[in-house]
């Protein structure tokens, strides 16, 4: 995983010590915007899921948010401004067979960010979630043609999204134009889930 602007700083967000080192590096540049985009999958049916599969996904997808925010938030509180954006997933709301660990981690992010948004709103700090649908990425590159066709059948726009679709929303949420938006989840999924 990468964090920060140039110079790039590489960190393994499944490793608590590396998260702390990354946060210390970020603190030096006093960020205005923090985007938490770490995520892995280790899919299995719950009855076959190992403790390691469960813990690895929860640790990286959810706990890393806690550790990095806890270290960066004091800087934003001190400056009385900041934006924190978490990247969740459409399956956090729909569920997905074989992904109890992944869906648990991504849906927990939504509740966590809503709670934090309430805690720091008076300090002019905004937290929001982006919940992408199926986006062209290394994760979706692993899908078979049959799996992709099955997914496309559930998406009214009949296409996978692009990373730019998510980036555009992140840029908007980071801007002054979104200054009255906090504690929200934005669904970018081609109509796969309409809430």
Protein backbone atom coordinates (compact mmCIF):
# COMPACT_ATOMS: atom_id res chain seq x y z
CA UNK A 1 0.00 0.00 0.00
CA UNK A 2 1.11 3.56 -0.58
CA UNK A 3 0.39 6.52 1.56
CA UNK A 4 1.14 10.20 1.16
CA UNK A 5 1.96 12.33 -1.84
CA UNK A 6 5.43 12.36 -3.32
CA UNK A 7 7.83 11.37 -2.06
CA UNK A 8 5.93 8.06 -1.90
CA UNK A 9 6.02 6.12 1.31
CA UNK A 10 5.29 2.43 1.07
CA UNK A 11 3.66 0.56 3.95
CA UNK A 12 2.04 -2.80 4.58
CA UNK A 13 -1.26 -1.89 6.22
CA UNK A 14 -1.64 -5.36 7.68
CA UNK A 15 1.36 -4.54 9.91
CA UNK A 16 0.49 -2.25 12.84
CA UNK A 17 4.07 -0.99 13.19
CA UNK A 18 4.19 0.03 9.52
CA UNK A 19 0.86 1.85 9.90
CA UNK A 20 2.31 3.83 12.82
CA UNK A 21 5.43 4.65 10.79
CA UNK A 22 3.25 5.72 7.86
CA UNK A 23 1.13 7.91 10.14
CA UNK A 24 4.26 9.54 11.56
CA UNK A 25 5.41 10.29 8.02
CA UNK A 26 2.00 11.74 7.12
CA UNK A 27 2.00 13.91 10.24
CA UNK A 28 5.09 15.70 8.97
CA UNK A 29 3.21 17.00 5.92
CA UNK A 30 0.07 17.93 7.91
CA UNK A 31 -2.54 16.51 5.51
CA UNK A 32 -5.83 18.22 4.71
CA UNK A 33 -7.30 15.07 3.18
CA UNK A 34 -6.89 11.42 4.15
CA UNK A 35 -8.28 8.67 1.90
CA UNK A 36 -8.32 5.15 3.35
CA UNK A 37 -8.35 2.74 0.43
CA UNK A 38 -6.68 -0.37 1.81
CA UNK A 39 -8.47 -3.61 1.07
CA UNK A 40 -7.92 -7.31 0.54
CA UNK A 41 -10.12 -10.35 0.03
CA UNK A 42 -9.64 -13.87 1.35
CA UNK A 43 -12.90 -15.45 0.27
CA UNK A 44 -14.39 -18.63 1.64
CA UNK A 45 -17.72 -19.91 2.87
CA UNK A 46 -18.04 -19.13 6.57
CA UNK A 47 -18.02 -22.80 7.60
CA UNK A 48 -14.70 -23.24 5.79
CA UNK A 49 -13.21 -19.84 6.62
CA UNK A 50 -10.10 -20.02 8.77
CA UNK A 51 -9.41 -17.71 11.68
CA UNK A 52 -6.50 -16.36 9.66
CA UNK A 53 -8.71 -15.50 6.67
CA UNK A 54 -11.17 -13.72 8.96
CA UNK A 55 -8.56 -11.85 10.99
CA UNK A 56 -6.37 -10.83 8.04
CA UNK A 57 -9.28 -9.19 6.21
CA UNK A 58 -10.71 -7.47 9.31
CA UNK A 59 -7.26 -6.29 10.34
CA UNK A 60 -6.33 -4.72 7.02
CA UNK A 61 -9.73 -3.52 5.80
CA UNK A 62 -11.11 -2.19 9.09
CA UNK A 63 -8.48 -1.95 11.83
CA UNK A 64 -6.03 -0.05 9.63
CA UNK A 65 -8.65 2.74 9.40
CA UNK A 66 -8.75 2.98 13.18
CA UNK A 67 -4.98 3.08 13.56
CA UNK A 68 -4.29 5.66 10.86
CA UNK A 69 -7.23 7.94 11.72
CA UNK A 70 -6.37 7.89 15.42
CA UNK A 71 -2.93 9.27 14.61
CA UNK A 72 -3.93 11.81 11.94
CA UNK A 73 -7.14 13.14 13.51
CA UNK A 74 -5.36 15.18 16.23
CA UNK A 75 -3.63 17.21 13.49
CA UNK A 76 -6.95 17.96 11.82
CA UNK A 77 -8.52 18.84 15.17
CA UNK A 78 -5.66 21.23 15.86
CA UNK A 79 -6.08 22.95 12.48
CA UNK A 80 -9.91 22.81 12.77
CA UNK A 81 -10.31 21.38 9.29
CA UNK A 82 -9.90 18.16 7.37
CA UNK A 83 -11.53 15.55 5.19
CA UNK A 84 -11.36 11.79 5.71
CA UNK A 85 -12.75 9.48 3.05
CA UNK A 86 -13.08 5.73 3.40
CA UNK A 87 -13.46 3.34 0.50
CA UNK A 88 -16.02 0.66 1.33
CA UNK A 89 -17.90 -1.55 -1.17
CA UNK A 90 -21.33 -2.19 -2.66
CA UNK A 91 -21.28 -5.63 -1.00
CA UNK A 92 -21.14 -3.95 2.40
CA UNK A 93 -24.85 -3.32 1.85
CA UNK A 94 -25.88 -6.27 -0.31
CA UNK A 95 -23.79 -9.04 1.24
CA UNK A 96 -21.94 -11.53 -0.95
CA UNK A 97 -21.69 -15.27 -0.58
CA UNK A 98 -18.21 -16.36 0.46
CA UNK A 99 -17.25 -12.90 1.67
CA UNK A 100 -18.51 -12.70 5.25
CA UNK A 101 -15.13 -11.32 6.35
CA UNK A 102 -14.91 -8.75 3.55
CA UNK A 103 -18.52 -7.56 3.88
CA UNK A 104 -18.19 -7.35 7.67
CA UNK A 105 -15.07 -5.19 7.36
CA UNK A 106 -16.53 -2.87 4.75
CA UNK A 107 -19.93 -2.44 6.43
CA UNK A 108 -18.23 -1.77 9.76
CA UNK A 109 -16.32 1.06 8.09
CA UNK A 110 -19.62 2.74 7.23
CA UNK A 111 -20.79 2.73 10.86
CA UNK A 112 -17.37 3.78 12.10
CA UNK A 113 -17.21 6.78 9.77
CA UNK A 114 -20.74 7.89 10.70
CA UNK A 115 -19.83 7.82 14.39
CA UNK A 116 -16.57 9.70 13.80
CA UNK A 117 -18.36 12.25 11.61
CA UNK A 118 -20.59 13.06 14.58
CA UNK A 119 -17.63 13.27 16.95
CA UNK A 120 -15.62 15.80 14.91
CA UNK A 121 -18.18 17.80 12.90
CA UNK A 122 -17.90 20.77 15.27
CA UNK A 123 -14.18 20.88 14.46
CA UNK A 124 -14.94 21.34 10.74
CA UNK A 125 -13.76 17.83 9.92
CA UNK A 126 -15.84 15.80 7.48
CA UNK A 127 -15.88 12.02 7.06
CA UNK A 128 -17.63 10.26 4.21
CA UNK A 129 -17.61 6.84 2.58
CA UNK A 130 -17.46 5.89 -1.08
CA UNK A 131 -18.96 2.46 -1.77
CA UNK A 132 -17.83 1.35 -5.22
CA UNK A 133 -19.50 -1.38 -7.20
CA UNK A 134 -17.44 -3.51 -9.55
CA UNK A 135 -14.51 -1.40 -10.72
CA UNK A 136 -11.81 -2.39 -13.21
CA UNK A 137 -8.95 -3.31 -10.89
CA UNK A 138 -6.57 -6.14 -10.02
CA UNK A 139 -9.43 -7.61 -7.94
CA UNK A 140 -11.83 -7.77 -10.89
CA UNK A 141 -9.06 -8.86 -13.28
CA UNK A 142 -9.09 -12.21 -11.46
CA UNK A 143 -12.71 -12.86 -12.46
CA UNK A 144 -13.53 -15.27 -15.27
CA UNK A 145 -15.43 -14.11 -18.36
CA UNK A 146 -18.48 -15.97 -17.06
CA UNK A 147 -18.27 -14.20 -13.70
CA UNK A 148 -17.92 -10.80 -15.38
CA UNK A 149 -20.94 -11.49 -17.61
CA UNK A 150 -22.95 -12.54 -14.55
CA UNK A 151 -22.00 -9.29 -12.79
CA UNK A 152 -22.78 -7.15 -15.85
CA UNK A 153 -26.25 -8.69 -15.92
CA UNK A 154 -26.88 -7.07 -12.52
CA UNK A 155 -25.61 -3.60 -13.51
CA UNK A 156 -28.13 -1.42 -15.37
CA UNK A 157 -25.33 0.58 -17.04
CA UNK A 158 -23.95 -2.80 -18.25
CA UNK A 159 -20.28 -2.00 -17.61
CA UNK A 160 -17.66 -2.09 -14.91
CA UNK A 161 -16.69 1.24 -13.42
CA UNK A 162 -13.26 2.81 -13.77
CA UNK A 163 -10.88 3.99 -11.04
CA UNK A 164 -11.53 7.53 -12.33
CA UNK A 165 -15.20 7.19 -11.35
CA UNK A 166 -14.13 6.73 -7.74
CA UNK A 167 -11.39 9.37 -7.93
CA UNK A 168 -13.88 11.96 -9.23
CA UNK A 169 -16.11 11.43 -6.21
CA UNK A 170 -13.11 11.61 -3.86
CA UNK A 171 -12.02 14.91 -5.44
CA UNK A 172 -15.53 16.31 -5.03
CA UNK A 173 -15.81 15.20 -1.38
CA UNK A 174 -12.41 16.76 -0.68
CA UNK A 175 -13.43 20.10 -2.15
CA UNK A 176 -15.16 23.15 -0.71
CA UNK A 177 -18.18 22.30 -2.87
CA UNK A 178 -18.83 19.41 -0.46
CA UNK A 179 -18.42 21.51 2.69
CA UNK A 180 -21.93 20.65 3.97
CA UNK A 181 -21.62 16.89 3.44
CA UNK A 182 -20.53 14.56 6.23
CA UNK A 183 -21.40 11.10 7.52
CA UNK A 184 -22.69 9.97 4.12
CA UNK A 185 -22.13 6.90 1.94
CA UNK A 186 -21.91 7.48 -1.80
CA UNK A 187 -22.75 4.52 -4.03
CA UNK A 188 -20.90 4.38 -7.34
CA UNK A 189 -22.04 1.13 -8.89
CA UNK A 190 -23.68 1.73 -12.27
CA UNK A 191 -27.13 1.23 -10.70
CA UNK A 192 -26.35 -2.24 -9.31
CA UNK A 193 -27.66 -1.06 -5.94
CA UNK A 194 -30.06 1.86 -5.72
CA UNK A 195 -30.58 3.16 -2.20
